[in-house]
């Protein structure tokens, strides 16, 4: 599958999250031939701080494929995965992480820093800033409206 197609699907998922007043993150699990799963944030809707788009997409893919080893598959997320999601990506052996926006606003630092030279687990290939422009407008809209509510 072409990455441009994957970015479009992630954008659709991000918009679904935005329409539910969730942080507009969408994630897609895919390989060269097909999309295996897609998801968007459901943290607020599910009252679950771990219902991140990446985690939901990973769980859907693992269930669909009946395996916990997603080697050979890739994940695209509209936002750089947090530390929790990055660790899950490692535990499921996902081959590559692609993401749109860099997330420098996390108190723990951005998630891909998990894969520094001292990390002893599985390290995927990482590609950031793909589709960044497209997603920056969604995030800007979300946070401007969030401030208006507060």
C-alpha atoms as a PDB file:
ATOM      1  CA  UNK A   1       0.000   0.000   0.000  1.00  0.00           C
ATOM      2  CA  UNK A   2       1.172   3.503  -0.680  1.00  0.00           C
ATOM      3  CA  UNK A   3       1.889   5.609   2.351  1.00  0.00           C
ATOM      4  CA  UNK A   4      -0.219   8.457   0.919  1.00  0.00           C
ATOM      5  CA  UNK A   5      -3.260   6.150   1.067  1.00  0.00           C
ATOM      6  CA  UNK A   6      -2.460   5.214   4.654  1.00  0.00           C
ATOM      7  CA  UNK A   7      -2.152   8.890   5.668  1.00  0.00           C
ATOM      8  CA  UNK A   8      -5.631   9.532   4.215  1.00  0.00           C
ATOM      9  CA  UNK A   9      -7.123   6.672   6.238  1.00  0.00           C
ATOM     10  CA  UNK A  10      -5.403   7.909   9.413  1.00  0.00           C
ATOM     11  CA  UNK A  11      -6.775  11.381   8.696  1.00  0.00           C
ATOM     12  CA  UNK A  12     -10.303   9.945   8.466  1.00  0.00           C
ATOM     13  CA  UNK A  13      -9.793   8.201  11.799  1.00  0.00           C
ATOM     14  CA  UNK A  14      -8.420  11.408  13.324  1.00  0.00           C
ATOM     15  CA  UNK A  15     -11.535  13.272  12.208  1.00  0.00           C
ATOM     16  CA  UNK A  16     -13.716  10.606  13.843  1.00  0.00           C
ATOM     17  CA  UNK A  17     -11.871  11.229  17.106  1.00  0.00           C
ATOM     18  CA  UNK A  18     -12.245  14.992  16.713  1.00  0.00           C
ATOM     19  CA  UNK A  19     -16.006  14.598  16.172  1.00  0.00           C
ATOM     20  CA  UNK A  20     -16.171  12.721  19.492  1.00  0.00           C
ATOM     21  CA  UNK A  21     -14.218  15.480  21.304  1.00  0.00           C
ATOM     22  CA  UNK A  22     -11.198  13.210  21.546  1.00  0.00           C
ATOM     23  CA  UNK A  23      -7.622  14.246  20.830  1.00  0.00           C
ATOM     24  CA  UNK A  24      -7.609  13.722  17.031  1.00  0.00           C
ATOM     25  CA  UNK A  25      -5.290  10.758  16.728  1.00  0.00           C
ATOM     26  CA  UNK A  26      -5.839   8.028  14.158  1.00  0.00           C
ATOM     27  CA  UNK A  27      -3.740   4.920  13.637  1.00  0.00           C
ATOM     28  CA  UNK A  28      -3.493   2.325  10.874  1.00  0.00           C
ATOM     29  CA  UNK A  29      -1.785  -1.080  10.827  1.00  0.00           C
ATOM     30  CA  UNK A  30      -0.798  -2.181   7.319  1.00  0.00           C
ATOM     31  CA  UNK A  31       1.584  -4.144   5.156  1.00  0.00           C
ATOM     32  CA  UNK A  32       2.550  -3.924   1.480  1.00  0.00           C
ATOM     33  CA  UNK A  33      -0.841  -5.199   0.325  1.00  0.00           C
ATOM     34  CA  UNK A  34      -3.587  -4.177   2.722  1.00  0.00           C
ATOM     35  CA  UNK A  35      -4.794  -2.336   5.774  1.00  0.00           C
ATOM     36  CA  UNK A  36      -5.268  -4.792   8.613  1.00  0.00           C
ATOM     37  CA  UNK A  37      -6.833  -2.429  11.154  1.00  0.00           C
ATOM     38  CA  UNK A  38      -7.564   1.186  11.898  1.00  0.00           C
ATOM     39  CA  UNK A  39      -8.661   3.045  15.010  1.00  0.00           C
ATOM     40  CA  UNK A  40      -8.957   6.441  16.643  1.00  0.00           C
ATOM     41  CA  UNK A  41      -8.639   7.703  20.191  1.00  0.00           C
ATOM     42  CA  UNK A  42     -11.475   6.700  22.512  1.00  0.00           C
ATOM     43  CA  UNK A  43      -9.984   7.811  25.825  1.00  0.00           C
ATOM     44  CA  UNK A  44     -12.885  10.064  26.835  1.00  0.00           C
ATOM     45  CA  UNK A  45     -15.676   7.965  25.344  1.00  0.00           C
ATOM     46  CA  UNK A  46     -14.452   4.759  26.994  1.00  0.00           C
ATOM     47  CA  UNK A  47     -13.257   6.437  30.223  1.00  0.00           C
ATOM     48  CA  UNK A  48      -9.997   4.638  29.589  1.00  0.00           C
ATOM     49  CA  UNK A  49      -6.715   6.575  29.622  1.00  0.00           C
ATOM     50  CA  UNK A  50      -5.116   3.746  27.635  1.00  0.00           C
ATOM     51  CA  UNK A  51      -7.637   3.753  24.747  1.00  0.00           C
ATOM     52  CA  UNK A  52      -5.094   5.368  22.430  1.00  0.00           C
ATOM     53  CA  UNK A  53      -5.576   4.934  18.689  1.00  0.00           C
ATOM     54  CA  UNK A  54      -2.337   2.974  18.365  1.00  0.00           C
ATOM     55  CA  UNK A  55      -3.245   0.490  21.117  1.00  0.00           C
ATOM     56  CA  UNK A  56      -6.751  -0.032  19.730  1.00  0.00           C
ATOM     57  CA  UNK A  57      -5.398  -0.588  16.197  1.00  0.00           C
ATOM     58  CA  UNK A  58      -2.744  -3.023  17.469  1.00  0.00           C
ATOM     59  CA  UNK A  59      -5.302  -5.047  19.429  1.00  0.00           C
ATOM     60  CA  UNK A  60      -7.653  -5.187  16.431  1.00  0.00           C
ATOM     61  CA  UNK A  61      -4.816  -6.373  14.173  1.00  0.00           C
ATOM     62  CA  UNK A  62      -3.640  -9.015  16.642  1.00  0.00           C
ATOM     63  CA  UNK A  63      -7.170 -10.336  17.063  1.00  0.00           C
ATOM     64  CA  UNK A  64      -7.856 -10.353  13.324  1.00  0.00           C
ATOM     65  CA  UNK A  65      -4.559 -12.080  12.510  1.00  0.00           C
ATOM     66  CA  UNK A  66      -4.736 -14.331  15.610  1.00  0.00           C
ATOM     67  CA  UNK A  67      -1.183 -13.526  16.657  1.00  0.00           C
ATOM     68  CA  UNK A  68       0.742 -11.262  18.991  1.00  0.00           C
ATOM     69  CA  UNK A  69       3.649 -11.035  16.558  1.00  0.00           C
ATOM     70  CA  UNK A  70       3.054  -8.294  13.990  1.00  0.00           C
ATOM     71  CA  UNK A  71       6.526  -8.483  12.434  1.00  0.00           C
ATOM     72  CA  UNK A  72       6.313  -7.396   8.803  1.00  0.00           C
ATOM     73  CA  UNK A  73       3.484  -4.969   9.566  1.00  0.00           C
ATOM     74  CA  UNK A  74       3.804  -1.234   9.979  1.00  0.00           C
ATOM     75  CA  UNK A  75       1.876   1.346  11.972  1.00  0.00           C
ATOM     76  CA  UNK A  76       1.051   4.890  10.978  1.00  0.00           C
ATOM     77  CA  UNK A  77      -0.197   7.359  13.583  1.00  0.00           C
ATOM     78  CA  UNK A  78      -1.210  10.965  13.073  1.00  0.00           C
ATOM     79  CA  UNK A  79       0.788  11.858  16.201  1.00  0.00           C
ATOM     80  CA  UNK A  80       4.103  10.549  17.436  1.00  0.00           C
ATOM     81  CA  UNK A  81       3.282   7.620  19.712  1.00  0.00           C
ATOM     82  CA  UNK A  82       3.627   8.189  23.452  1.00  0.00           C
ATOM     83  CA  UNK A  83       5.946   6.035  25.551  1.00  0.00           C
ATOM     84  CA  UNK A  84       3.161   3.587  26.389  1.00  0.00           C
ATOM     85  CA  UNK A  85       2.218   3.110  22.716  1.00  0.00           C
ATOM     86  CA  UNK A  86       5.860   2.917  21.649  1.00  0.00           C
ATOM     87  CA  UNK A  87       6.467   0.141  24.167  1.00  0.00           C
ATOM     88  CA  UNK A  88       3.384  -1.737  22.897  1.00  0.00           C
ATOM     89  CA  UNK A  89       4.654  -1.384  19.318  1.00  0.00           C
ATOM     90  CA  UNK A  90       7.911  -2.957  20.461  1.00  0.00           C
ATOM     91  CA  UNK A  91       6.172  -5.793  22.333  1.00  0.00           C
ATOM     92  CA  UNK A  92       4.149  -6.700  19.227  1.00  0.00           C
ATOM     93  CA  UNK A  93       7.301  -6.552  17.034  1.00  0.00           C
ATOM     94  CA  UNK A  94       5.779  -4.084  14.553  1.00  0.00           C
ATOM     95  CA  UNK A  95       8.464  -3.483  11.934  1.00  0.00           C
ATOM     96  CA  UNK A  96       8.114   0.271  11.408  1.00  0.00           C
ATOM     97  CA  UNK A  97       6.512   3.336  12.961  1.00  0.00           C
ATOM     98  CA  UNK A  98       5.410   6.175  10.690  1.00  0.00           C
ATOM     99  CA  UNK A  99       3.823   9.275  12.157  1.00  0.00           C
ATOM    100  CA  UNK A 100       2.686  12.759  11.220  1.00  0.00           C
ATOM    101  CA  UNK A 101       3.193  15.258  14.016  1.00  0.00           C
ATOM    102  CA  UNK A 102       6.048  15.222  16.488  1.00  0.00           C
ATOM    103  CA  UNK A 103       4.809  15.373  20.068  1.00  0.00           C
ATOM    104  CA  UNK A 104       7.114  17.515  22.169  1.00  0.00           C
ATOM    105  CA  UNK A 105       4.470  18.371  24.772  1.00  0.00           C
ATOM    106  CA  UNK A 106       4.501  15.171  26.802  1.00  0.00           C
ATOM    107  CA  UNK A 107       5.777  15.498  30.380  1.00  0.00           C
ATOM    108  CA  UNK A 108       7.793  12.300  29.874  1.00  0.00           C
ATOM    109  CA  UNK A 109       9.203  13.393  26.535  1.00  0.00           C
ATOM    110  CA  UNK A 110       8.194  12.000  23.210  1.00  0.00           C
ATOM    111  CA  UNK A 111       7.547   8.289  22.875  1.00  0.00           C
ATOM    112  CA  UNK A 112      10.151   7.400  20.312  1.00  0.00           C
ATOM    113  CA  UNK A 113      12.874   8.453  22.736  1.00  0.00           C
ATOM    114  CA  UNK A 114      12.106   5.107  24.348  1.00  0.00           C
ATOM    115  CA  UNK A 115      14.152   3.529  21.564  1.00  0.00           C
ATOM    116  CA  UNK A 116      17.433   5.145  22.583  1.00  0.00           C
ATOM    117  CA  UNK A 117      20.693   3.246  22.610  1.00  0.00           C
ATOM    118  CA  UNK A 118      20.011   1.847  26.101  1.00  0.00           C
ATOM    119  CA  UNK A 119      16.682   0.237  25.139  1.00  0.00           C
ATOM    120  CA  UNK A 120      17.014  -3.537  25.405  1.00  0.00           C
ATOM    121  CA  UNK A 121      13.811  -4.502  23.589  1.00  0.00           C
ATOM    122  CA  UNK A 122      12.846  -4.757  19.941  1.00  0.00           C
ATOM    123  CA  UNK A 123      13.450  -1.502  18.023  1.00  0.00           C
ATOM    124  CA  UNK A 124      11.291  -0.739  14.971  1.00  0.00           C
ATOM    125  CA  UNK A 125      12.341   1.567  12.156  1.00  0.00           C
ATOM    126  CA  UNK A 126      11.000   5.089  12.790  1.00  0.00           C
ATOM    127  CA  UNK A 127       9.907   7.722  10.263  1.00  0.00           C
ATOM    128  CA  UNK A 128       8.410  10.992  11.493  1.00  0.00           C
ATOM    129  CA  UNK A 129       6.890  14.101  10.007  1.00  0.00           C
ATOM    130  CA  UNK A 130       4.947  12.272   7.275  1.00  0.00           C
ATOM    131  CA  UNK A 131       1.715  14.155   6.615  1.00  0.00           C
ATOM    132  CA  UNK A 132       2.584  16.637   9.340  1.00  0.00           C
ATOM    133  CA  UNK A 133       0.956  19.624   7.617  1.00  0.00           C
ATOM    134  CA  UNK A 134      -2.361  17.860   7.206  1.00  0.00           C
ATOM    135  CA  UNK A 135      -2.570  16.875  10.865  1.00  0.00           C
ATOM    136  CA  UNK A 136      -1.284  20.143  12.324  1.00  0.00           C
ATOM    137  CA  UNK A 137      -4.510  21.878  11.267  1.00  0.00           C
ATOM    138  CA  UNK A 138      -6.655  19.257  13.000  1.00  0.00           C
ATOM    139  CA  UNK A 139      -4.678  19.513  16.220  1.00  0.00           C
ATOM    140  CA  UNK A 140      -4.676  23.296  16.125  1.00  0.00           C
ATOM    141  CA  UNK A 141      -8.463  23.303  15.694  1.00  0.00           C
ATOM    142  CA  UNK A 142      -8.892  20.818  18.561  1.00  0.00           C
ATOM    143  CA  UNK A 143      -6.746  22.731  21.035  1.00  0.00           C
ATOM    144  CA  UNK A 144      -8.142  26.173  20.114  1.00  0.00           C
ATOM    145  CA  UNK A 145     -11.658  24.859  20.758  1.00  0.00           C
ATOM    146  CA  UNK A 146     -10.571  23.135  23.952  1.00  0.00           C
ATOM    147  CA  UNK A 147      -9.240  26.449  25.298  1.00  0.00           C
ATOM    148  CA  UNK A 148     -12.514  28.180  24.391  1.00  0.00           C
ATOM    149  CA  UNK A 149     -14.427  25.596  26.469  1.00  0.00           C
ATOM    150  CA  UNK A 150     -12.194  26.191  29.481  1.00  0.00           C
END
